[in-house]
């Protein structure tokens, strides 16, 4: 019995997406433009911590605003780990649905549904589901997302997880905005809700902006330098995202 438990724990620790922080994770926002297409590229580097390994990730996707309330995107993600090298991590299908027109409610509300097929069959497919909240205060904007994730048909007994994303920014100008971003996961490799020391929490300054390109096109960027606050968090994470919209 002890040997079986130890084996299950070892497999969970080895799983690329079990509970480790994704260095390339980006903030989901409840914004949709009907008929607009985008190519999304995101990259992240997470340093080694007390109980974490150095990890890199990069992903690329293509998406479109199908209606004024529904955005969908397909993407592929790769990860590099010093122990295993660079590998295909997963294919993803991301969907964002707005529940009301922007400004219609006191807080703009969207719903995220992300379906992921990991490259490692042992992990099993997973879903990420949760509300996306956004509020404007003049030139300030606040975002908070609460996301539930769970693997299905996994042979590694991975628990369900609850994670969050947050951002508070100031719109200085269209090409340049700045603020703070935060990402966290309250679970661990064996528990859906773990003690604080076993959780992942990262926060730090961010810069964002959008450049308009002739021909009704634009290039958006956002980058952040995040600091971990627990032993399970990378000490430092640098993440960047570029979106070409046309």
Protein backbone atom coordinates (compact mmCIF):
# COMPACT_ATOMS: atom_id res chain seq x y z
CA UNK A 1 0.00 0.00 0.00
CA UNK A 2 2.81 2.41 0.92
CA UNK A 3 4.66 1.53 -2.28
CA UNK A 4 1.54 2.27 -4.37
CA UNK A 5 1.02 5.61 -2.65
CA UNK A 6 4.67 6.55 -3.16
CA UNK A 7 4.44 5.62 -6.86
CA UNK A 8 1.31 7.72 -7.36
CA UNK A 9 2.94 10.71 -5.68
CA UNK A 10 6.09 10.32 -7.78
CA UNK A 11 4.05 10.26 -10.99
CA UNK A 12 2.16 13.36 -9.95
CA UNK A 13 5.37 15.20 -9.17
CA UNK A 14 6.75 14.23 -12.55
CA UNK A 15 3.70 15.36 -14.49
CA UNK A 16 4.47 18.61 -16.34
CA UNK A 17 1.13 20.16 -15.49
CA UNK A 18 0.31 18.53 -12.19
CA UNK A 19 0.42 21.65 -10.04
CA UNK A 20 3.60 23.46 -11.03
CA UNK A 21 3.25 27.09 -12.09
CA UNK A 22 3.05 27.61 -15.84
CA UNK A 23 5.62 30.35 -16.57
CA UNK A 24 3.78 31.34 -19.75
CA UNK A 25 0.33 31.68 -18.12
CA UNK A 26 -1.49 34.82 -19.26
CA UNK A 27 -4.52 36.74 -18.04
CA UNK A 28 -7.89 35.93 -19.63
CA UNK A 29 -10.11 38.98 -20.21
CA UNK A 30 -13.86 39.21 -20.95
CA UNK A 31 -13.45 41.10 -24.22
CA UNK A 32 -14.65 39.99 -27.66
CA UNK A 33 -14.62 41.78 -31.03
CA UNK A 34 -16.85 40.11 -33.60
CA UNK A 35 -15.05 39.31 -36.84
CA UNK A 36 -11.60 40.12 -35.47
CA UNK A 37 -8.91 37.46 -35.89
CA UNK A 38 -5.74 37.20 -33.85
CA UNK A 39 -2.47 35.34 -33.69
CA UNK A 40 -1.35 34.92 -30.11
CA UNK A 41 2.19 34.13 -28.96
CA UNK A 42 3.13 33.78 -25.29
CA UNK A 43 6.36 32.88 -23.56
CA UNK A 44 7.52 32.46 -19.98
CA UNK A 45 10.64 31.62 -17.98
CA UNK A 46 10.37 30.40 -14.40
CA UNK A 47 13.49 30.22 -12.26
CA UNK A 48 14.29 27.41 -9.86
CA UNK A 49 12.98 27.86 -6.33
CA UNK A 50 13.25 26.08 -3.00
CA UNK A 51 11.06 23.23 -4.26
CA UNK A 52 10.72 24.02 -7.97
CA UNK A 53 12.76 23.43 -11.12
CA UNK A 54 13.68 25.93 -13.83
CA UNK A 55 11.06 25.74 -16.60
CA UNK A 56 10.33 27.55 -19.86
CA UNK A 57 7.13 27.48 -21.89
CA UNK A 58 6.04 28.88 -25.24
CA UNK A 59 2.69 28.71 -26.97
CA UNK A 60 1.12 29.92 -30.19
CA UNK A 61 -2.54 30.08 -31.11
CA UNK A 62 -4.96 31.49 -33.63
CA UNK A 63 -8.41 32.72 -32.69
CA UNK A 64 -11.43 34.69 -33.88
CA UNK A 65 -14.43 36.57 -32.57
CA UNK A 66 -17.21 34.36 -33.92
CA UNK A 67 -19.99 36.62 -32.60
CA UNK A 68 -20.10 39.73 -30.45
CA UNK A 69 -20.24 37.45 -27.40
CA UNK A 70 -18.04 34.45 -28.31
CA UNK A 71 -14.30 34.21 -28.92
CA UNK A 72 -12.58 30.91 -29.69
CA UNK A 73 -8.93 29.94 -30.17
CA UNK A 74 -6.88 26.81 -30.81
CA UNK A 75 -3.28 26.66 -29.59
CA UNK A 76 -0.26 24.44 -29.07
CA UNK A 77 2.11 24.73 -26.11
CA UNK A 78 5.68 23.56 -25.69
CA UNK A 79 7.73 23.35 -22.49
CA UNK A 80 11.42 23.00 -21.74
CA UNK A 81 12.59 21.34 -18.56
CA UNK A 82 16.30 20.78 -17.78
CA UNK A 83 15.46 17.20 -16.81
CA UNK A 84 13.45 16.25 -19.91
CA UNK A 85 14.34 18.82 -22.59
CA UNK A 86 11.86 20.56 -24.90
CA UNK A 87 8.60 18.71 -25.51
CA UNK A 88 5.13 19.32 -26.84
CA UNK A 89 3.03 19.85 -23.72
CA UNK A 90 -0.56 20.13 -24.94
CA UNK A 91 -3.11 21.24 -27.50
CA UNK A 92 -5.77 23.66 -26.26
CA UNK A 93 -9.17 24.91 -27.33
CA UNK A 94 -10.00 28.17 -25.57
CA UNK A 95 -13.45 29.77 -25.47
CA UNK A 96 -14.58 33.04 -23.89
CA UNK A 97 -18.29 33.88 -23.74
CA UNK A 98 -19.59 37.30 -22.60
CA UNK A 99 -22.73 37.15 -20.47
CA UNK A 100 -23.69 40.78 -21.20
CA UNK A 101 -22.54 43.70 -23.32
CA UNK A 102 -19.55 45.64 -21.90
CA UNK A 103 -20.86 48.29 -19.48
CA UNK A 104 -24.35 46.78 -19.32
CA UNK A 105 -23.77 45.39 -15.83
CA UNK A 106 -21.95 46.92 -12.88
CA UNK A 107 -19.09 44.48 -13.60
CA UNK A 108 -18.34 42.98 -17.01
CA UNK A 109 -18.67 39.19 -16.77
CA UNK A 110 -17.45 36.46 -19.09
CA UNK A 111 -17.04 32.70 -18.81
CA UNK A 112 -13.94 30.73 -19.74
CA UNK A 113 -14.03 27.18 -21.07
CA UNK A 114 -10.64 25.77 -21.98
CA UNK A 115 -10.31 22.16 -23.13
CA UNK A 116 -6.78 20.75 -23.11
CA UNK A 117 -5.39 17.53 -24.54
CA UNK A 118 -1.98 16.87 -22.93
CA UNK A 119 0.70 15.22 -25.02
CA UNK A 120 1.28 12.77 -22.17
CA UNK A 121 -1.66 10.37 -22.35
CA UNK A 122 -1.26 9.49 -18.64
CA UNK A 123 -2.46 12.97 -17.62
CA UNK A 124 -5.75 12.66 -19.50
CA UNK A 125 -7.70 15.56 -21.05
CA UNK A 126 -8.61 18.48 -18.81
CA UNK A 127 -11.00 21.40 -18.65
CA UNK A 128 -10.61 24.88 -17.17
CA UNK A 129 -13.83 26.66 -16.35
CA UNK A 130 -14.68 29.82 -14.47
CA UNK A 131 -15.90 33.43 -14.39
CA UNK A 132 -13.88 36.34 -15.78
CA UNK A 133 -14.61 39.67 -14.04
CA UNK A 134 -13.62 43.15 -15.22
CA UNK A 135 -14.39 46.64 -13.90
CA UNK A 136 -13.45 50.06 -15.25
CA UNK A 137 -12.73 53.04 -12.94
CA UNK A 138 -11.98 55.92 -15.27
CA UNK A 139 -8.44 55.21 -16.44
CA UNK A 140 -8.10 52.27 -14.08
CA UNK A 141 -9.14 48.70 -14.84
CA UNK A 142 -9.40 45.74 -12.45
CA UNK A 143 -9.63 42.08 -13.44
CA UNK A 144 -10.20 38.98 -11.35
CA UNK A 145 -10.68 35.42 -12.61
CA UNK A 146 -11.49 32.30 -10.62
CA UNK A 147 -10.76 29.09 -12.54
CA UNK A 148 -11.62 25.48 -11.74
CA UNK A 149 -9.55 22.82 -13.51
CA UNK A 150 -9.81 19.06 -13.58
CA UNK A 151 -8.25 16.14 -15.47
CA UNK A 152 -10.40 13.30 -16.77
CA UNK A 153 -9.42 9.69 -17.47
CA UNK A 154 -6.04 10.36 -15.81
CA UNK A 155 -4.02 7.41 -14.55
CA UNK A 156 -2.09 9.65 -12.15
CA UNK A 157 -4.92 10.53 -9.72
CA UNK A 158 -4.47 14.27 -10.25
CA UNK A 159 -6.78 16.32 -8.00
CA UNK A 160 -9.08 19.12 -9.16
CA UNK A 161 -7.57 22.59 -8.69
CA UNK A 162 -8.83 26.10 -8.02
CA UNK A 163 -6.67 28.92 -9.34
CA UNK A 164 -6.98 32.68 -9.68
CA UNK A 165 -5.70 35.48 -11.89
CA UNK A 166 -5.73 39.17 -11.06
CA UNK A 167 -4.68 42.48 -12.57
CA UNK A 168 -4.95 46.15 -11.68
CA UNK A 169 -3.71 48.59 -14.32
CA UNK A 170 -3.61 52.28 -15.22
CA UNK A 171 -4.30 53.35 -18.80
CA UNK A 172 -1.58 55.97 -19.20
CA UNK A 173 -1.92 55.89 -22.99
CA UNK A 174 -2.93 53.38 -25.65
CA UNK A 175 0.68 52.28 -26.38
CA UNK A 176 1.65 52.17 -22.69
CA UNK A 177 -0.23 50.98 -19.62
CA UNK A 178 1.20 49.66 -16.37
CA UNK A 179 -0.01 47.82 -13.31
CA UNK A 180 0.25 44.66 -11.21
CA UNK A 181 -0.56 41.05 -12.10
CA UNK A 182 -1.03 38.03 -9.83
CA UNK A 183 -1.44 34.31 -10.51
CA UNK A 184 -2.04 31.57 -7.96
CA UNK A 185 -3.15 28.00 -7.34
CA UNK A 186 -4.50 26.94 -3.95
CA UNK A 187 -3.96 23.21 -4.58
CA UNK A 188 -0.94 20.92 -4.57
CA UNK A 189 0.08 17.73 -6.37
CA UNK A 190 -2.09 15.68 -3.99
CA UNK A 191 -4.76 18.08 -2.66
CA UNK A 192 -7.40 20.36 -4.18
CA UNK A 193 -6.94 22.77 -1.25
CA UNK A 194 -3.51 22.62 0.34
CA UNK A 195 -1.77 24.44 3.21
CA UNK A 196 -0.47 27.86 2.16
CA UNK A 197 3.15 26.62 2.04
CA UNK A 198 2.15 24.03 -0.60
CA UNK A 199 0.26 26.53 -2.77
CA UNK A 200 1.61 28.57 -5.69
CA UNK A 201 1.38 32.39 -5.56
CA UNK A 202 3.16 34.84 -7.87
CA UNK A 203 2.73 38.61 -8.25
CA UNK A 204 4.60 41.57 -9.68
CA UNK A 205 4.66 44.62 -11.99
CA UNK A 206 3.34 44.50 -15.54
CA UNK A 207 3.49 46.70 -18.65
CA UNK A 208 0.88 46.54 -21.41
CA UNK A 209 -0.12 48.38 -24.54
CA UNK A 210 -1.47 48.36 -28.05
CA UNK A 211 -0.09 49.79 -31.28
CA UNK A 212 -2.46 50.49 -34.18
CA UNK A 213 -1.21 49.29 -37.55
CA UNK A 214 -2.60 50.70 -40.85
CA UNK A 215 -5.33 48.59 -42.41
CA UNK A 216 -7.46 48.05 -39.29
CA UNK A 217 -4.75 45.95 -37.65
CA UNK A 218 -3.05 46.21 -34.27
CA UNK A 219 -0.30 44.69 -32.17
CA UNK A 220 -0.90 44.24 -28.44
CA UNK A 221 1.66 43.29 -25.82
CA UNK A 222 1.80 42.61 -22.11
CA UNK A 223 4.72 41.51 -19.97
CA UNK A 224 5.22 40.93 -16.26
CA UNK A 225 7.96 40.11 -13.79
CA UNK A 226 6.49 37.93 -11.03
CA UNK A 227 7.92 37.00 -7.63
CA UNK A 228 6.92 33.82 -5.82
CA UNK A 229 5.78 33.92 -2.20
CA UNK A 230 5.91 30.21 -1.27
CA UNK A 231 8.38 27.34 -1.55
CA UNK A 232 6.21 25.79 -4.29
CA UNK A 233 6.38 28.99 -6.36
CA UNK A 234 9.21 29.85 -8.75
CA UNK A 235 11.39 32.54 -7.15
CA UNK A 236 11.08 34.66 -10.30
CA UNK A 237 8.98 34.41 -13.44
CA UNK A 238 9.21 36.55 -16.57
CA UNK A 239 6.27 36.25 -18.93
CA UNK A 240 5.34 38.05 -22.15
CA UNK A 241 2.43 37.85 -24.59
CA UNK A 242 2.07 39.33 -28.09
CA UNK A 243 -1.17 39.45 -30.08
CA UNK A 244 -1.48 40.43 -33.73
CA UNK A 245 -5.08 41.41 -34.43
CA UNK A 246 -6.47 41.75 -37.95
